[in-house]
Protein backbone atom coordinates (compact mmCIF):
# COMPACT_ATOMS: atom_id res chain seq x y z
CA MET A 1 3.14 -21.84 -6.05
CA ASP A 2 5.78 -23.50 -8.24
CA PHE A 3 4.60 -26.87 -9.55
CA ASP A 4 7.85 -27.40 -11.48
CA ARG A 5 9.84 -27.35 -8.23
CA ASN A 6 6.97 -28.60 -6.04
CA GLU A 7 7.42 -25.64 -3.73
CA VAL A 8 5.19 -22.98 -2.20
CA ARG A 9 6.94 -19.65 -1.61
CA TYR A 10 5.46 -16.83 0.42
CA TYR A 11 6.43 -14.06 2.82
CA GLU A 12 5.30 -14.34 6.42
CA LYS A 13 6.41 -12.08 9.27
CA GLU A 14 9.65 -10.94 7.67
CA ARG A 15 10.59 -14.38 6.31
CA LEU A 16 10.59 -15.98 2.90
CA VAL A 17 9.09 -19.39 3.61
CA VAL A 18 9.68 -22.24 1.16
CA ILE A 19 7.52 -25.34 1.66
CA PRO A 20 8.00 -28.36 -0.62
CA PHE A 21 4.90 -30.39 -1.48
CA ARG A 22 4.05 -33.56 -3.36
CA THR A 23 1.16 -33.93 -5.79
CA ASN A 24 1.53 -37.69 -6.35
CA GLY A 25 1.53 -40.57 -3.93
CA VAL A 26 0.10 -38.63 -0.99
CA GLU A 27 -1.46 -40.94 1.58
CA GLY A 28 -4.92 -40.46 3.01
CA ASP A 29 -7.14 -37.56 1.96
CA ALA A 30 -4.34 -34.97 1.78
CA GLN A 31 -4.06 -33.12 -1.51
CA VAL A 32 -3.33 -29.75 -3.01
CA ALA A 33 -6.82 -28.43 -3.68
CA PRO A 34 -8.86 -25.25 -4.08
CA VAL A 35 -10.34 -23.68 -0.95
CA ARG A 36 -13.92 -22.36 -0.99
CA LEU A 37 -15.98 -20.40 1.49
CA VAL A 38 -18.46 -22.65 3.31
CA ARG A 39 -21.18 -19.99 3.54
CA HIS A 40 -21.49 -16.27 2.87
CA ALA A 41 -19.55 -14.18 5.38
CA ARG A 42 -20.25 -10.65 6.60
CA LEU A 43 -17.08 -8.66 7.20
CA THR A 44 -16.92 -5.61 9.44
CA ARG A 45 -15.13 -2.53 8.12
CA ASN A 46 -11.37 -2.39 8.83
CA ALA A 47 -11.48 -5.52 10.97
CA VAL A 48 -10.03 -9.02 10.91
CA THR A 49 -12.78 -11.67 10.72
CA PRO A 50 -12.17 -15.45 10.80
CA VAL A 51 -14.11 -17.14 7.98
CA GLU A 52 -14.85 -20.85 7.56
CA VAL A 53 -13.63 -22.58 4.41
CA SER A 54 -13.91 -26.12 3.08
CA VAL A 55 -10.67 -28.10 2.70
CA ALA A 56 -9.88 -31.54 1.28
CA ALA A 57 -8.08 -32.85 4.36
CA ALA A 58 -8.49 -35.34 7.19
CA ASP A 59 -9.32 -34.24 10.73
CA GLY A 60 -6.34 -32.76 12.53
CA GLU A 61 -4.25 -32.46 9.39
CA GLU A 62 -2.16 -29.30 9.15
CA GLY A 63 -2.11 -27.34 5.93
CA MET A 64 -1.27 -23.95 4.54
CA PHE A 65 -3.84 -21.68 2.92
CA ILE A 66 -2.44 -19.62 0.00
CA PRO A 67 -4.87 -16.83 -0.97
CA THR A 68 -5.66 -15.65 -4.46
CA ARG A 69 -5.09 -11.97 -5.36
CA SER A 70 -8.56 -11.42 -6.80
CA CYS A 71 -10.72 -10.71 -3.76
CA GLY A 72 -11.05 -6.98 -4.33
CA ALA A 73 -11.23 -5.02 -1.09
CA VAL A 74 -10.89 -8.16 1.04
CA MET A 75 -7.31 -9.05 1.95
CA LEU A 76 -6.64 -12.68 2.90
CA ALA A 77 -3.62 -13.83 4.87
CA VAL A 78 -1.36 -16.82 4.25
CA THR A 79 -2.32 -19.11 7.11
CA VAL A 80 -1.12 -22.40 8.58
CA THR A 81 -4.15 -24.07 10.15
CA LYS A 82 -5.72 -27.45 11.00
CA ALA A 83 -8.67 -29.15 9.34
CA ARG A 84 -11.74 -30.08 11.37
CA ASN A 85 -14.59 -31.99 9.71
CA GLY A 86 -13.39 -30.87 6.28
CA LYS A 87 -13.28 -27.22 7.32
CA ALA A 88 -10.73 -24.66 8.55
CA LEU A 89 -10.66 -21.03 9.67
CA ILE A 90 -8.69 -18.30 7.88
CA PRO A 91 -8.48 -14.56 8.66
CA ALA A 92 -9.97 -11.98 6.26
CA ILE A 93 -9.47 -8.20 6.42
CA ASN A 94 -12.21 -5.94 5.04
CA MET A 95 -10.70 -2.85 3.39
CA HIS A 96 -14.08 -1.64 2.09
CA GLY A 97 -15.55 1.67 3.26
CA GLY A 98 -18.35 -0.20 5.06
CA ARG A 99 -19.55 -3.71 5.84
CA THR A 100 -19.17 -6.15 2.97
CA LYS A 101 -19.97 -9.77 2.16
CA LEU A 102 -18.12 -12.67 0.58
CA PRO A 103 -20.51 -15.00 -1.26
CA GLY A 104 -20.72 -18.63 -0.21
CA LYS A 105 -18.85 -21.24 -2.27
CA ARG A 106 -16.46 -18.60 -3.62
CA GLU A 107 -12.96 -19.92 -4.30
CA LEU A 108 -10.51 -18.03 -2.08
CA GLY A 109 -7.22 -19.82 -2.60
CA THR A 110 -5.38 -23.14 -2.34
CA TRP A 111 -4.88 -25.68 0.45
CA VAL A 112 -1.42 -27.26 0.63
CA PRO A 113 -0.98 -30.15 3.12
CA ILE A 114 2.08 -29.89 5.35
CA GLU A 115 3.74 -33.27 5.69
CA ALA A 116 5.83 -34.20 8.73
CA ASP A 117 9.00 -34.44 6.64
CA MET A 118 8.61 -31.05 4.97
CA GLN A 119 11.34 -28.50 5.55
CA VAL A 120 10.61 -24.83 6.14
CA LEU A 121 13.53 -22.67 5.07
CA ASP A 122 13.91 -18.96 5.73
CA LEU A 123 16.30 -16.14 5.01
CA ASN A 124 17.60 -15.89 8.56
CA GLY A 125 20.46 -18.30 7.92
CA GLU A 126 19.40 -21.36 5.92
CA LEU A 127 19.24 -19.71 2.49
CA ASP A 128 22.47 -18.76 0.78
CA PRO A 129 22.72 -15.85 -1.69
CA GLY A 130 22.19 -18.21 -4.62
CA ARG A 131 18.90 -19.42 -3.15
CA LEU A 132 17.82 -15.83 -2.60
CA ASN A 133 18.48 -15.05 -6.26
CA GLU A 134 16.33 -18.04 -7.22
CA GLY A 135 13.53 -16.72 -5.06
CA LEU A 136 13.70 -13.28 -6.62
CA ASP A 137 13.72 -14.70 -10.14
CA THR A 138 10.45 -16.55 -9.49
CA MET A 139 8.63 -13.37 -8.38
CA GLY A 140 8.46 -11.74 -11.81
CA ASP A 141 10.55 -10.18 -14.57
CA THR A 142 13.83 -9.34 -12.86
CA THR A 143 15.91 -8.91 -16.03
CA THR A 144 14.18 -6.06 -17.89
CA PRO A 145 15.38 -2.72 -16.46
CA LEU A 146 12.86 -0.23 -15.09
CA ASP A 147 12.22 2.85 -17.21
CA ASN A 148 13.38 4.98 -14.27
CA GLU A 149 16.05 2.64 -12.87
CA GLU A 150 18.65 5.41 -12.81
CA GLU A 151 16.60 7.00 -10.00
CA VAL A 152 17.11 4.07 -7.62
CA GLN A 153 19.05 5.12 -4.50
CA ILE A 154 20.62 2.22 -2.59
CA GLY A 155 22.42 2.86 0.67
CA THR A 156 24.32 -0.40 1.08
CA THR A 157 27.62 -0.81 -0.76
CA ASP A 158 27.46 -4.62 -0.80
CA PRO A 159 27.32 -5.57 -4.52
CA ASP A 160 25.10 -8.64 -4.01
CA ALA A 161 22.66 -6.65 -1.89
CA ARG A 162 22.49 -3.88 -4.48
CA THR A 163 21.70 -6.46 -7.16
CA TRP A 164 18.97 -7.98 -4.99
CA VAL A 165 17.33 -4.59 -4.41
CA VAL A 166 17.22 -3.84 -8.14
CA LYS A 167 15.82 -7.30 -8.91
CA LEU A 168 13.14 -6.87 -6.26
CA LEU A 169 12.07 -3.52 -7.70
CA ARG A 170 11.94 -5.01 -11.20
CA ALA A 171 9.75 -7.82 -9.90
CA TYR A 172 7.37 -5.17 -8.51
CA ARG A 173 7.66 -2.79 -11.45
CA GLU A 174 3.95 -1.92 -11.28
CA VAL A 175 4.69 -0.36 -7.88
CA ALA A 176 8.12 1.10 -8.68
CA SER A 177 7.59 2.50 -12.19
CA SER A 178 6.16 6.01 -12.22
CA LYS A 179 6.47 8.23 -15.26
CA GLY A 180 5.35 11.49 -13.69
CA GLY A 181 1.92 13.00 -14.15
CA CYS A 182 -0.96 11.53 -12.23
CA PRO A 183 -0.64 8.06 -10.66
CA PRO A 184 -3.52 5.58 -11.01
CA VAL A 185 -6.23 5.52 -8.35
CA THR A 186 -5.98 2.73 -5.78
CA VAL A 187 -7.93 -0.40 -6.66
CA LEU A 188 -9.31 -0.41 -3.13
CA PRO A 189 -12.84 0.99 -2.74
CA VAL A 190 -11.55 4.02 -0.85
CA GLN A 191 -12.94 7.48 -1.60
CA HIS A 192 -12.77 10.78 0.21
CA HIS A 193 -16.10 12.05 1.52
CA ILE A 194 -16.93 15.60 2.61
CA ASP A 195 -19.86 15.65 5.03
CA THR A 196 -21.22 19.20 5.23
CA GLY A 197 -24.66 18.22 6.48
CA ASP A 198 -27.38 20.60 5.27
CA THR A 199 -25.02 23.58 4.84
CA ALA A 200 -25.84 25.75 1.83
CA PRO A 201 -23.23 25.78 -0.97
CA ILE A 202 -20.39 28.28 -0.54
CA MET A 203 -19.08 30.32 -3.48
CA LEU A 204 -16.23 32.71 -2.65
CA LYS A 205 -14.97 35.49 -4.85
CA ARG A 206 -11.88 34.78 -6.93
CA ARG A 207 -8.76 36.61 -5.73
CA ARG A 208 -6.91 38.94 -8.03
CA GLN A 209 -3.45 37.64 -8.96
CA ALA A 210 -0.42 39.20 -10.62
CA GLN A 211 0.07 38.29 -14.28
CA THR A 212 3.00 36.04 -13.43
CA GLU A 213 0.85 34.21 -10.88
CA ASP A 214 -2.02 33.87 -13.37
CA ALA A 215 0.42 32.15 -15.72
CA ILE A 216 1.43 29.69 -12.97
CA ILE A 217 -2.22 28.96 -12.17
CA GLU A 218 -3.08 28.42 -15.83
CA ASP A 219 -0.12 26.07 -16.25
CA ASN A 220 -1.12 24.01 -13.20
CA VAL A 221 -4.74 23.81 -14.29
CA GLY A 222 -3.71 22.62 -17.75
CA LYS A 223 -1.46 19.89 -16.36
CA MET A 224 -4.09 18.67 -13.87
CA LEU A 225 -6.76 18.58 -16.59
CA GLN A 226 -4.50 16.54 -18.85
CA ALA A 227 -3.59 14.17 -16.02
CA GLY A 228 -7.20 13.58 -15.00
CA VAL A 229 -6.83 15.13 -11.55
CA ILE A 230 -9.53 17.76 -12.16
CA GLU A 231 -12.38 18.41 -14.56
CA GLU A 232 -14.51 21.41 -15.44
CA GLY A 233 -17.25 22.06 -12.90
CA ASN A 234 -20.75 23.52 -13.02
CA GLY A 235 -21.84 23.36 -9.39
CA ALA A 236 -22.68 25.97 -6.77
CA TRP A 237 -19.47 25.63 -4.73
CA GLY A 238 -16.22 27.47 -5.40
CA PHE A 239 -13.09 28.53 -3.51
CA PRO A 240 -10.13 30.78 -4.37
CA VAL A 241 -6.71 29.60 -5.50
CA VAL A 242 -3.63 30.55 -3.48
CA LEU A 243 0.01 30.11 -4.47
CA VAL A 244 2.38 29.12 -1.68
CA ARG A 245 6.12 29.58 -2.14
CA LYS A 246 8.17 26.79 -0.54
CA LYS A 247 11.63 27.13 1.03
CA ASP A 248 13.35 25.97 -2.15
CA GLY A 249 11.60 28.70 -4.13
CA GLU A 250 9.14 26.36 -5.84
CA VAL A 251 5.55 27.60 -5.98
CA ARG A 252 2.80 25.19 -4.93
CA PHE A 253 -0.74 25.45 -6.29
CA CYS A 254 -3.27 25.33 -3.44
CA VAL A 255 -6.96 26.00 -2.88
CA ASP A 256 -8.12 27.93 0.19
CA TYR A 257 -10.60 25.49 1.70
CA ARG A 258 -10.85 27.16 5.12
CA ALA A 259 -14.51 28.10 4.64
CA LEU A 260 -15.32 24.54 3.53
CA ASN A 261 -13.43 23.03 6.45
CA LYS A 262 -15.44 25.11 8.93
CA VAL A 263 -18.68 23.41 7.85
CA THR A 264 -17.23 19.90 7.38
CA LYS A 265 -17.91 17.22 9.99
CA LYS A 266 -14.53 16.32 11.45
CA ASP A 267 -13.02 12.86 11.01
CA VAL A 268 -11.00 12.20 14.17
CA TYR A 269 -9.02 9.21 12.87
CA PRO A 270 -5.62 9.57 14.60
CA LEU A 271 -2.25 10.08 12.96
CA PRO A 272 0.74 8.25 14.48
CA ARG A 273 2.65 10.09 17.20
CA ILE A 274 6.06 11.00 15.82
CA ASP A 275 7.78 10.36 19.16
CA GLU A 276 6.36 6.82 19.31
CA THR A 277 7.31 6.27 15.68
CA LEU A 278 10.92 7.25 16.30
CA GLU A 279 11.06 5.18 19.50
CA ALA A 280 9.90 2.08 17.59
CA LEU A 281 12.89 2.41 15.26
CA GLY A 282 15.38 1.97 18.09
CA GLY A 283 17.89 -0.82 17.50
CA ALA A 284 17.22 -1.04 13.76
CA LEU A 285 20.28 -1.61 11.56
CA LEU A 286 18.86 -1.12 8.07
CA PHE A 287 16.23 1.26 6.73
CA THR A 288 14.28 1.76 3.53
CA THR A 289 12.08 4.82 3.06
CA LEU A 290 9.27 4.67 0.51
CA ASP A 291 7.49 7.76 -0.77
CA LEU A 292 4.18 7.34 -2.55
CA HIS A 293 3.81 9.09 -5.89
CA SER A 294 1.47 12.06 -5.32
CA GLY A 295 -0.08 10.05 -2.51
CA TYR A 296 -3.30 12.04 -2.07
CA TRP A 297 -4.00 11.81 -5.80
CA GLN A 298 -4.13 8.00 -5.52
CA ILE A 299 -7.48 8.38 -3.73
CA GLY A 300 -10.58 9.56 -5.57
CA VAL A 301 -13.18 12.04 -4.32
CA SER A 302 -16.67 10.56 -3.99
CA PRO A 303 -18.84 11.71 -6.93
CA GLU A 304 -21.44 13.34 -4.68
CA ASP A 305 -18.77 15.53 -3.04
CA ARG A 306 -16.72 16.62 -6.05
CA ASP A 307 -18.58 19.92 -6.46
CA LYS A 308 -17.46 20.88 -2.94
CA THR A 309 -13.81 20.80 -4.05
CA ALA A 310 -14.38 23.34 -6.85
CA PHE A 311 -12.06 26.33 -7.34
CA THR A 312 -12.26 29.41 -9.54
CA THR A 313 -9.69 30.86 -11.95
CA LYS A 314 -9.75 33.31 -14.85
CA GLN A 315 -10.45 30.36 -17.11
CA GLY A 316 -13.51 29.17 -15.19
CA LEU A 317 -14.65 26.69 -12.54
CA TYR A 318 -12.97 23.33 -11.95
CA ARG A 319 -13.44 20.51 -9.47
CA PHE A 320 -11.18 17.71 -8.22
CA LEU A 321 -11.57 14.06 -9.17
CA ARG A 322 -8.64 13.09 -6.92
CA MET A 323 -8.27 14.05 -3.26
CA PRO A 324 -6.64 17.51 -3.06
CA PHE A 325 -4.45 19.02 -0.37
CA GLY A 326 -6.05 21.40 2.09
CA LEU A 327 -9.17 19.44 3.01
CA MET A 328 -9.51 19.03 6.76
CA ASN A 329 -10.13 15.28 6.71
CA ALA A 330 -7.75 14.33 3.90
CA PRO A 331 -4.96 13.18 6.29
CA SER A 332 -7.41 10.94 8.15
CA THR A 333 -8.67 9.37 4.92
CA PHE A 334 -5.13 8.67 3.76
CA GLN A 335 -3.81 7.34 7.07
CA ARG A 336 -6.83 5.05 7.46
CA MET A 337 -6.19 3.56 4.03
CA MET A 338 -2.46 3.05 4.65
CA ASN A 339 -3.04 1.47 8.07
CA GLY A 340 -5.40 -0.98 6.39
CA VAL A 341 -3.02 -1.77 3.53
CA LEU A 342 -0.15 -2.45 5.95
CA ARG A 343 -2.21 -4.00 8.74
CA GLY A 344 -0.17 -6.57 10.65
CA LEU A 345 3.15 -5.12 9.45
CA THR A 346 3.16 -1.74 11.18
CA TRP A 347 5.33 -1.35 14.28
CA THR A 348 7.17 -4.63 13.59
CA THR A 349 8.20 -4.50 9.92
CA CYS A 350 7.40 -0.95 8.87
CA LEU A 351 5.96 2.36 10.01
CA VAL A 352 3.75 4.65 7.98
CA TYR A 353 3.02 8.34 8.44
CA LEU A 354 0.66 9.44 5.66
CA ASP A 355 2.53 8.81 2.39
CA ASP A 356 5.93 8.15 4.03
CA ILE A 357 6.78 4.52 4.81
CA VAL A 358 9.91 3.29 6.53
CA VAL A 359 10.86 -0.41 6.49
CA PHE A 360 13.26 -1.22 9.33
CA THR A 361 15.25 -4.32 10.17
CA ARG A 362 17.16 -5.50 13.22
CA GLY A 363 19.08 -8.02 11.11
CA ASP A 364 21.05 -8.47 7.91
CA VAL A 365 20.25 -7.27 4.40
CA ARG A 366 18.59 -10.54 3.39
CA LYS A 367 16.07 -10.23 6.19
CA HIS A 368 15.57 -6.60 5.19
CA LEU A 369 14.77 -7.63 1.61
CA VAL A 370 12.13 -10.07 2.82
CA GLN A 371 10.50 -7.29 4.84
CA LEU A 372 10.71 -4.91 1.88
CA ALA A 373 9.15 -7.52 -0.43
CA THR A 374 6.29 -7.99 2.03
CA VAL A 375 5.54 -4.26 2.00
CA LEU A 376 5.84 -4.02 -1.80
CA GLU A 377 3.41 -6.92 -2.14
CA ARG A 378 0.84 -5.07 -0.01
CA LEU A 379 1.27 -1.91 -2.09
CA SER A 380 0.90 -3.97 -5.26
CA VAL A 381 -2.34 -5.57 -4.09
CA ALA A 382 -3.70 -2.10 -3.24
CA GLY A 383 -2.63 -0.68 -6.61
CA LEU A 384 -0.42 2.00 -5.05
CA THR A 385 2.71 3.39 -6.73
CA LEU A 386 5.96 4.94 -5.50
CA LYS A 387 7.92 8.02 -6.50
CA LEU A 388 11.17 6.11 -6.94
CA ARG A 389 13.51 9.10 -6.95
CA LYS A 390 12.38 9.97 -3.41
CA CYS A 391 12.91 6.44 -2.06
CA VAL A 392 16.10 5.18 -0.41
CA PHE A 393 16.74 1.44 -0.08
CA ALA A 394 18.76 -0.62 2.42
CA ALA A 395 20.64 2.25 4.06
CA ARG A 396 22.43 2.31 7.42
CA SER A 397 21.27 5.86 8.01
CA MET A 398 18.75 8.22 6.42
CA GLU A 399 16.34 11.06 7.13
CA TYR A 400 12.74 10.31 8.08
CA LEU A 401 10.13 12.80 9.30
CA GLY A 402 12.84 15.41 9.76
CA HIS A 403 15.04 13.17 11.92
CA GLU A 404 18.26 11.31 11.12
CA LEU A 405 17.90 7.55 11.58
CA SER A 406 20.83 5.21 12.26
CA ASP A 407 21.73 2.17 14.35
CA GLU A 408 22.34 4.62 17.20
CA GLY A 409 18.70 5.76 17.14
CA ALA A 410 16.92 8.87 15.88
CA GLU A 411 18.40 12.34 16.18
């Protein structure tokens, strides 16, 4: 909300919406005012629940609710609604691991009355490039370069569009800036749980490795300790380390969790079908692919289950603080979180398969930037970060999930 310009700016369904408002000389009861919850509300897990709020407005008056960004695991949507008896309904999404409550009288955001003579402008034709630059400049620091700005890959050759992409990433530098090592854990109350019922702890014998492999293991353990991914363990569980050589010759550190997975209760949360994902991209003209920085490591392991992730090396026993690869239910945990973070945007603005996000647009680059900003805002609220060097922005064609995307479809 910009009180200097008397404008409210927000992103709604792929559009930058600019609504002017007046704070003086408003007739009747209409006024820009804080919005508070009428009574405590119980929110079901991963569901949209309408909640009743108090508003300073006359009956039948239309207004826009602008949420705050301090509601923790509860995500609130920008909403245009009508007042009834000093109250209105707004949607709330519970991202918590279980049911949660919002306390009564809590301030949730701001009510802005919509006058009959207000103009709603969007990026689909009414805003020129200069107006777009103004909008970007109000979102944050767009002048200070990112530490890793040389890693930005932009597909479009249009100079204005390239400038807009860089400015947008600077405005969301907390999402775009990653300096290697371990990314921060999401601010959402999401943790990985390992339900093994009453199964007795499993401790498997450490496998003998060649000296060169021992050196690789020791190096990986040292880096993960320093980054806060693992810590020393003292529990009754333990599994062997395996080194997997990838096609490019790089060796990946893994833990053989097959015995653990056999006794783990399965989480059947579905992953998106790749064929449906590719079909949804048909007709798109511009694409951006976003890759989360060490995506699994942005989710913590629940304290009561950390011992179950333990692995053995020559140096001793260690356990994971962040969600490791190889656990049977890790993909379900991650996909559930991402579907919640991007709820309402998937299949229309973006698609997400685990830690790979594609933003797609059936319009020009300005519309694409609005969609991209909407996704970056969601990632920012969730405290998630990108691996910038693996992202590609505003391209006419690119690879996604092993397929080549273009305006002619997926191949």
